[in-house]
Amino acid sequence: MKATVSFILPRASQQISAMGDRETSNHSEVTDFILVGFRVRPELHILLFLLFLLVYAMILLGNIGMIVIIMTDPRLNTPMYFFLGNLSFVDLFYSSVIAPKAMINFWSESKSISFAGCVTQLFLFVLFIVTEAFLLAVMAYDRFIAICNPLLYTVQMSTHLCVQLVTGSYLCGCISSVLQTSMTFTLSFCASRAIDHFYCDDRPLQRISCSDLYIHKMVSLFLCSIIILPTIMVITVSYIYIVSTVLKIPSTEGRKKAFSTCSSHLGVVSVLYGAITFMYVIPDRFPELSKVASLCYTLLTPMLNPLIYSLRNKDVKEALRKILGNKLFLFNSILTENRIK
C-alpha cells in the first residue's frame, strides 16, 4: 500500500489541476483538454513509454500479419477467417486511436489534446470497440453453425450473409458512436480542462462537466445495455449449444479440436467484456483502477487476439510457414545469383 502511495505525485497532480482549472461558461469556449494520464513519478514515464511502445509494436505486427496471411492464403478463404480478418482490422485501428497519443504524452509537458482531437478520439474509439463487440457475437454464431450444423455450414454462412453480418457490426458501431459522441460533447465543461485518463472517454469527461448528468447517464447506461446484453446473450446461447454438441462427439481427438477452436474465442470475450463491464456498468468510484481496466481492451486484447488465434490454429500456422518458406526460398535464390555473378 505504501509503495503504491509513493508513486502518486501530489505536487504533479496539483500542477496538472492548475493547468486544467481554466473556468469557462460552456463547452464551446473550451479549445483543448489536458490528458492527466497515469499519476506516477516522472522517471516511471520512460518505463511506461517503453511498455506501451513494445505492446503497440506487437499489436501492429500481429494484426497486420494476420490480415496479410488471411488475404494471401486461398485456404483461409472461409467465413471464420473473414470475420477474424475484420477483427484484426478493428483491433489495429482502435488501438492506434489510443496508443500513439498516450506515448506522446509521456514525453509532453502540456499533455494537451485539442477539442476536435478529443471528439475524434472518442468517436473512433466507440466506433471500433462497439464493432468489436458485435463481431465477437458474430464469430460465436459462426462457430455455433460450424460445430452444431457442419453439413449446412457452407449454405447457411454464405458470402452474402457474412458481408451483411460484418456490415451490420460496423453500422451498429457507427450509430452508437454518433449518439455517444454527440451526447458527450453537448455537455458543459466549466469545472476543469483536466481529463483524469490517458485518452478521451465518456466517464472521465463526465467528471469535469458542470451539466446535469442524470439524463446523460441514463442514456449511456441504455446504450451499454443494448450493446452488451444482446451480444453476451448470442455468445452465451451459442456456446451452450456448442458445448452440448461437443460432449456428444465420440472421439477424444474430435472433442479436443472443437474445444481448442472455441476456448481461444471465449478467452478473448472474457477479457474484453470483463473490462468493459468494470468501466461502463459498475459505478465510477476508482479512477486509477479504471485506467488499468482500460488497458485490457485498448492494448491487451488487440495484442492477444492475433497470438491466440494464430498459435492455437493449425491453418494459420501452416499459412505462416508457407509465407516464411517462400520468403526464405526467394532470399536464398537472390544470394545464389549474387554469388554466381
Protein backbone atom coordinates (compact mmCIF):
# COMPACT_ATOMS: atom_id res chain seq x y z
CA MET A 1 0.00 0.00 0.00
CA LYS A 2 2.89 2.35 0.91
CA ALA A 3 4.66 1.54 -2.36
CA THR A 4 1.54 2.44 -4.30
CA VAL A 5 1.13 5.72 -2.45
CA SER A 6 4.78 6.64 -3.10
CA PHE A 7 4.14 6.54 -6.84
CA ILE A 8 1.47 9.22 -6.61
CA LEU A 9 2.71 12.76 -7.01
CA PRO A 10 0.50 15.24 -5.19
CA ARG A 11 2.56 18.16 -6.42
CA ALA A 12 2.36 16.99 -10.05
CA SER A 13 -1.38 16.42 -9.66
CA GLN A 14 -1.81 19.95 -8.32
CA GLN A 15 0.16 21.38 -11.25
CA ILE A 16 -1.97 19.49 -13.77
CA SER A 17 -5.12 20.55 -11.94
CA ALA A 18 -3.96 24.16 -12.01
CA MET A 19 -3.38 23.86 -15.76
CA GLY A 20 -6.84 22.37 -16.16
CA ASP A 21 -8.87 24.70 -13.95
CA ARG A 22 -9.49 27.40 -16.51
CA GLU A 23 -13.07 28.49 -15.92
CA THR A 24 -15.37 28.68 -18.92
CA SER A 25 -19.05 29.36 -19.19
CA ASN A 26 -19.81 26.48 -21.56
CA HIS A 27 -18.15 23.77 -23.63
CA SER A 28 -17.98 25.86 -26.80
CA GLU A 29 -15.29 28.06 -25.19
CA VAL A 30 -13.03 25.05 -24.47
CA THR A 31 -10.34 24.81 -27.14
CA ASP A 32 -8.36 21.94 -25.65
CA PHE A 33 -8.16 19.46 -22.77
CA ILE A 34 -5.35 18.11 -20.58
CA LEU A 35 -4.93 14.31 -20.51
CA VAL A 36 -3.65 13.67 -16.98
CA GLY A 37 -2.70 10.06 -17.72
CA PHE A 38 -1.12 7.85 -15.04
CA ARG A 39 -0.30 9.56 -11.74
CA VAL A 40 3.21 8.16 -11.28
CA ARG A 41 6.70 9.54 -10.75
CA PRO A 42 8.26 11.24 -13.84
CA GLU A 43 11.06 8.65 -14.03
CA LEU A 44 8.44 5.91 -14.49
CA HIS A 45 7.12 7.66 -17.62
CA ILE A 46 10.10 6.25 -19.55
CA LEU A 47 9.22 2.72 -18.40
CA LEU A 48 5.56 3.22 -19.32
CA PHE A 49 6.55 4.65 -22.70
CA LEU A 50 8.72 1.60 -23.45
CA LEU A 51 5.96 -0.75 -22.29
CA PHE A 52 3.36 0.99 -24.49
CA LEU A 53 5.81 1.01 -27.41
CA LEU A 54 6.52 -2.72 -27.07
CA VAL A 55 2.83 -3.65 -26.81
CA TYR A 56 1.84 -1.36 -29.68
CA ALA A 57 4.62 -2.80 -31.89
CA MET A 58 3.26 -6.30 -31.15
CA ILE A 59 -0.25 -5.11 -31.99
CA LEU A 60 0.91 -3.74 -35.35
CA LEU A 61 2.99 -6.81 -36.18
CA GLY A 62 0.40 -9.34 -35.07
CA ASN A 63 -2.72 -7.80 -36.60
CA ILE A 64 -1.13 -6.67 -39.87
CA GLY A 65 0.48 -10.10 -40.13
CA MET A 66 -2.88 -11.79 -39.54
CA ILE A 67 -4.59 -9.68 -42.21
CA VAL A 68 -1.80 -10.41 -44.73
CA ILE A 69 -1.90 -14.16 -44.04
CA ILE A 70 -5.70 -14.31 -44.43
CA MET A 71 -5.64 -12.27 -47.65
CA THR A 72 -2.79 -14.19 -49.30
CA ASP A 73 -3.64 -17.82 -48.47
CA PRO A 74 -6.59 -19.22 -50.51
CA ARG A 75 -7.17 -21.95 -47.90
CA LEU A 76 -8.24 -19.29 -45.42
CA ASN A 77 -10.99 -18.01 -47.70
CA THR A 78 -13.74 -19.10 -45.28
CA PRO A 79 -16.31 -17.23 -43.14
CA MET A 80 -14.33 -17.84 -39.95
CA TYR A 81 -11.20 -16.14 -41.32
CA PHE A 82 -13.22 -13.40 -42.98
CA PHE A 83 -14.54 -12.46 -39.52
CA LEU A 84 -11.08 -12.91 -37.98
CA GLY A 85 -9.56 -10.57 -40.59
CA ASN A 86 -12.12 -7.90 -39.74
CA LEU A 87 -11.43 -8.42 -36.01
CA SER A 88 -7.72 -7.79 -36.66
CA PHE A 89 -8.59 -4.66 -38.67
CA VAL A 90 -10.74 -3.32 -35.81
CA ASP A 91 -8.10 -4.16 -33.18
CA LEU A 92 -5.42 -2.45 -35.24
CA PHE A 93 -7.35 0.78 -35.65
CA TYR A 94 -8.87 1.31 -32.22
CA SER A 95 -5.52 0.67 -30.51
CA SER A 96 -3.99 3.17 -32.96
CA VAL A 97 -6.56 5.75 -31.85
CA ILE A 98 -5.26 5.47 -28.26
CA ALA A 99 -1.64 4.29 -28.06
CA PRO A 100 0.29 6.89 -30.16
CA LYS A 101 -1.24 9.88 -28.33
CA ALA A 102 -0.64 8.22 -24.94
CA MET A 103 3.03 7.62 -25.84
CA ILE A 104 3.47 11.24 -26.96
CA ASN A 105 2.03 12.46 -23.65
CA PHE A 106 4.65 10.50 -21.67
CA TRP A 107 7.21 12.97 -23.09
CA SER A 108 5.00 16.05 -23.28
CA GLU A 109 4.82 18.64 -20.51
CA SER A 110 1.50 20.12 -21.63
CA LYS A 111 -0.26 16.74 -22.24
CA SER A 112 -2.87 18.66 -24.20
CA ILE A 113 -5.31 17.46 -26.82
CA SER A 114 -7.43 19.80 -28.92
CA PHE A 115 -11.21 19.85 -28.57
CA ALA A 116 -11.56 18.48 -32.13
CA GLY A 117 -8.91 15.85 -31.40
CA CYS A 118 -10.79 14.74 -28.28
CA VAL A 119 -14.06 14.49 -30.22
CA THR A 120 -12.35 12.46 -32.97
CA GLN A 121 -10.63 10.14 -30.49
CA LEU A 122 -13.87 9.37 -28.62
CA PHE A 123 -15.82 8.90 -31.86
CA LEU A 124 -13.32 6.46 -33.39
CA PHE A 125 -12.78 4.57 -30.14
CA VAL A 126 -16.52 3.99 -29.57
CA LEU A 127 -16.98 3.09 -33.27
CA PHE A 128 -14.34 0.34 -33.19
CA ILE A 129 -14.95 -1.03 -29.67
CA VAL A 130 -18.70 -1.45 -30.31
CA THR A 131 -17.95 -3.01 -33.71
CA GLU A 132 -15.63 -5.49 -31.97
CA ALA A 133 -18.37 -6.46 -29.50
CA PHE A 134 -20.76 -7.30 -32.36
CA LEU A 135 -18.02 -9.07 -34.34
CA LEU A 136 -17.31 -11.35 -31.38
CA ALA A 137 -21.02 -12.23 -31.25
CA VAL A 138 -20.97 -12.93 -35.00
CA MET A 139 -17.92 -15.17 -34.56
CA ALA A 140 -19.72 -17.10 -31.79
CA TYR A 141 -22.70 -17.63 -34.12
CA ASP A 142 -20.30 -18.77 -36.88
CA ARG A 143 -18.74 -21.38 -34.54
CA PHE A 144 -22.24 -22.50 -33.49
CA ILE A 145 -23.21 -23.20 -37.12
CA ALA A 146 -19.84 -24.84 -37.90
CA ILE A 147 -19.98 -27.25 -34.95
CA CYS A 148 -23.71 -27.85 -34.50
CA ASN A 149 -24.70 -27.89 -38.20
CA PRO A 150 -21.49 -28.74 -40.11
CA LEU A 151 -23.28 -30.16 -43.18
CA LEU A 152 -25.25 -26.94 -43.68
CA TYR A 153 -22.36 -24.60 -42.78
CA THR A 154 -21.43 -23.51 -46.31
CA VAL A 155 -25.09 -22.99 -47.19
CA GLN A 156 -26.10 -21.05 -44.08
CA MET A 157 -22.91 -18.98 -43.80
CA SER A 158 -22.97 -17.73 -47.38
CA THR A 159 -20.73 -14.92 -48.60
CA HIS A 160 -23.74 -12.61 -48.79
CA LEU A 161 -24.72 -13.31 -45.16
CA CYS A 162 -21.12 -12.88 -43.94
CA VAL A 163 -20.85 -9.47 -45.62
CA GLN A 164 -24.23 -8.46 -44.14
CA LEU A 165 -23.17 -9.52 -40.61
CA VAL A 166 -19.88 -7.60 -40.79
CA THR A 167 -21.55 -4.53 -42.34
CA GLY A 168 -24.20 -4.66 -39.61
CA SER A 169 -21.47 -4.75 -36.94
CA TYR A 170 -19.80 -1.63 -38.37
CA LEU A 171 -23.19 0.07 -38.73
CA CYS A 172 -24.08 -0.60 -35.08
CA GLY A 173 -20.67 0.75 -34.08
CA CYS A 174 -21.20 3.89 -36.16
CA ILE A 175 -24.69 4.58 -34.78
CA SER A 176 -23.53 4.06 -31.18
CA SER A 177 -20.52 6.29 -31.77
CA VAL A 178 -22.56 9.14 -33.25
CA LEU A 179 -25.07 9.01 -30.36
CA GLN A 180 -22.45 8.73 -27.60
CA THR A 181 -20.09 11.37 -29.00
CA SER A 182 -22.78 13.94 -29.77
CA MET A 183 -24.35 13.40 -26.33
CA THR A 184 -20.99 13.74 -24.53
CA PHE A 185 -19.88 16.92 -26.26
CA THR A 186 -23.15 18.74 -25.71
CA LEU A 187 -22.19 18.80 -22.01
CA SER A 188 -20.77 21.98 -20.48
CA PHE A 189 -17.15 21.70 -19.37
CA CYS A 190 -16.81 24.61 -16.94
CA ALA A 191 -15.38 22.70 -13.97
CA SER A 192 -11.95 21.88 -15.43
CA ARG A 193 -9.97 21.09 -18.59
CA ALA A 194 -8.05 18.21 -16.97
CA ILE A 195 -9.32 14.74 -18.02
CA ASP A 196 -8.19 12.18 -15.43
CA HIS A 197 -7.43 9.48 -18.00
CA PHE A 198 -4.92 8.70 -20.75
CA TYR A 199 -7.43 9.19 -23.57
CA CYS A 200 -10.76 10.96 -24.12
CA ASP A 201 -13.53 8.75 -22.77
CA ASP A 202 -17.09 9.40 -21.67
CA ARG A 203 -16.80 8.82 -17.91
CA PRO A 204 -13.69 10.98 -17.34
CA LEU A 205 -15.38 13.74 -19.37
CA GLN A 206 -18.47 13.45 -17.15
CA ARG A 207 -16.29 14.19 -14.11
CA ILE A 208 -15.25 17.61 -15.45
CA SER A 209 -18.72 18.60 -16.62
CA CYS A 210 -20.92 21.02 -14.69
CA SER A 211 -24.09 19.93 -16.54
CA ASP A 212 -26.88 17.87 -15.03
CA LEU A 213 -25.71 14.32 -15.82
CA TYR A 214 -28.84 12.35 -14.90
CA ILE A 215 -30.26 12.05 -18.44
CA HIS A 216 -26.76 11.60 -19.89
CA LYS A 217 -26.02 8.71 -17.52
CA MET A 218 -29.37 7.05 -18.18
CA VAL A 219 -28.90 7.23 -21.96
CA SER A 220 -25.29 5.95 -21.64
CA LEU A 221 -26.48 3.04 -19.49
CA PHE A 222 -29.20 2.29 -22.04
CA LEU A 223 -26.66 2.28 -24.89
CA CYS A 224 -24.35 -0.02 -22.93
CA SER A 225 -27.26 -2.34 -22.18
CA ILE A 226 -28.43 -2.70 -25.78
CA ILE A 227 -24.84 -3.40 -26.86
CA ILE A 228 -23.59 -5.68 -24.08
CA LEU A 229 -26.73 -7.71 -23.27
CA PRO A 230 -27.67 -8.88 -26.81
CA THR A 231 -24.09 -9.73 -27.76
CA ILE A 232 -23.49 -11.57 -24.47
CA MET A 233 -26.76 -13.49 -24.99
CA VAL A 234 -25.76 -14.55 -28.53
CA ILE A 235 -22.32 -15.67 -27.30
CA THR A 236 -23.71 -17.50 -24.25
CA VAL A 237 -26.50 -19.33 -26.12
CA SER A 238 -24.13 -20.23 -28.97
CA TYR A 239 -21.62 -21.78 -26.59
CA ILE A 240 -24.24 -23.66 -24.59
CA TYR A 241 -25.26 -25.39 -27.83
CA ILE A 242 -21.61 -25.83 -28.84
CA VAL A 243 -20.64 -27.47 -25.53
CA SER A 244 -23.64 -29.80 -25.61
CA THR A 245 -22.79 -30.83 -29.19
CA VAL A 246 -19.07 -31.29 -28.49
CA LEU A 247 -19.77 -33.54 -25.50
CA LYS A 248 -21.67 -35.88 -27.86
CA ILE A 249 -18.62 -36.31 -30.15
CA PRO A 250 -17.41 -39.89 -29.61
CA SER A 251 -13.71 -39.38 -30.31
CA THR A 252 -11.46 -37.65 -27.78
CA GLU A 253 -9.47 -36.04 -30.60
CA GLY A 254 -12.65 -34.53 -32.09
CA ARG A 255 -13.71 -33.06 -28.74
CA LYS A 256 -10.22 -31.68 -28.16
CA LYS A 257 -10.13 -30.00 -31.58
CA ALA A 258 -13.59 -28.44 -31.14
CA PHE A 259 -12.81 -27.13 -27.64
CA SER A 260 -9.44 -25.79 -28.81
CA THR A 261 -11.14 -23.76 -31.54
CA CYS A 262 -13.66 -22.24 -29.13
CA SER A 263 -11.63 -21.77 -25.95
CA SER A 264 -9.49 -19.05 -27.54
CA HIS A 265 -12.62 -17.14 -28.55
CA LEU A 266 -14.06 -17.43 -25.03
CA GLY A 267 -10.80 -16.18 -23.53
CA VAL A 268 -10.87 -13.02 -25.66
CA VAL A 269 -14.56 -12.44 -24.88
CA SER A 270 -13.98 -12.82 -21.12
CA VAL A 271 -11.13 -10.27 -21.01
CA LEU A 272 -12.95 -7.73 -23.20
CA TYR A 273 -16.38 -7.91 -21.57
CA GLY A 274 -14.97 -8.10 -18.04
CA ALA A 275 -13.01 -4.87 -18.53
CA ILE A 276 -15.86 -3.08 -20.33
CA THR A 277 -18.35 -4.05 -17.60
CA PHE A 278 -16.00 -2.68 -14.94
CA MET A 279 -15.53 0.55 -16.89
CA TYR A 280 -19.07 1.36 -18.01
CA VAL A 281 -21.55 -0.57 -15.84
CA ILE A 282 -20.06 -0.56 -12.32
CA PRO A 283 -20.28 2.86 -10.56
CA ASP A 284 -17.33 5.14 -11.29
CA ARG A 285 -15.54 5.27 -7.92
CA PHE A 286 -11.96 4.20 -8.71
CA PRO A 287 -10.39 6.36 -11.47
CA GLU A 288 -6.94 4.73 -11.23
CA LEU A 289 -8.39 1.20 -11.45
CA SER A 290 -10.47 2.37 -14.42
CA LYS A 291 -7.24 3.29 -16.24
CA VAL A 292 -5.85 -0.20 -15.61
CA ALA A 293 -9.11 -1.79 -16.80
CA SER A 294 -8.97 0.40 -19.92
CA LEU A 295 -5.56 -1.09 -20.75
CA CYS A 296 -7.20 -4.53 -21.01
CA TYR A 297 -9.30 -3.59 -24.04
CA THR A 298 -7.23 -0.77 -25.55
CA LEU A 299 -3.90 -2.65 -25.63
CA LEU A 300 -4.05 -6.13 -24.07
CA THR A 301 -6.92 -7.58 -26.14
CA PRO A 302 -5.64 -6.26 -29.52
CA MET A 303 -2.22 -7.73 -28.69
CA LEU A 304 -3.55 -11.13 -27.57
CA ASN A 305 -6.10 -11.71 -30.36
CA PRO A 306 -3.62 -12.50 -33.19
CA LEU A 307 -1.42 -14.53 -30.80
CA ILE A 308 -4.32 -16.64 -29.52
CA TYR A 309 -5.89 -17.22 -32.94
CA SER A 310 -2.57 -17.99 -34.66
CA LEU A 311 -0.77 -20.09 -32.04
CA ARG A 312 -3.84 -22.27 -31.45
CA ASN A 313 -4.86 -22.55 -35.09
CA LYS A 314 -3.29 -25.15 -37.38
CA ASP A 315 -4.44 -23.47 -40.63
CA VAL A 316 -2.93 -20.10 -39.69
CA LYS A 317 0.35 -21.71 -38.58
CA GLU A 318 0.61 -23.63 -41.86
CA ALA A 319 -0.14 -20.50 -43.88
CA LEU A 320 2.53 -18.60 -41.93
CA ARG A 321 5.08 -21.38 -42.55
CA LYS A 322 4.25 -21.28 -46.25
CA ILE A 323 4.76 -17.50 -46.47
CA LEU A 324 8.02 -17.65 -44.48
CA GLY A 325 9.19 -20.61 -46.59
CA ASN A 326 8.57 -18.66 -49.80
CA LYS A 327 10.42 -15.64 -48.42
CA LEU A 328 13.41 -17.78 -47.40
CA PHE A 329 13.44 -19.50 -50.80
CA LEU A 330 13.40 -16.12 -52.56
CA PHE A 331 16.18 -14.82 -50.28
CA ASN A 332 18.35 -17.88 -50.91
CA SER A 333 17.78 -17.57 -54.68
CA ILE A 334 18.95 -13.95 -54.62
CA LEU A 335 22.06 -14.92 -52.60
CA THR A 336 22.85 -17.74 -55.03
CA GLU A 337 22.55 -15.43 -58.06
CA ASN A 338 24.81 -12.85 -56.44
CA ARG A 339 27.48 -15.49 -55.74
CA ILE A 340 27.37 -16.73 -59.34
CA LYS A 341 27.85 -13.18 -60.61
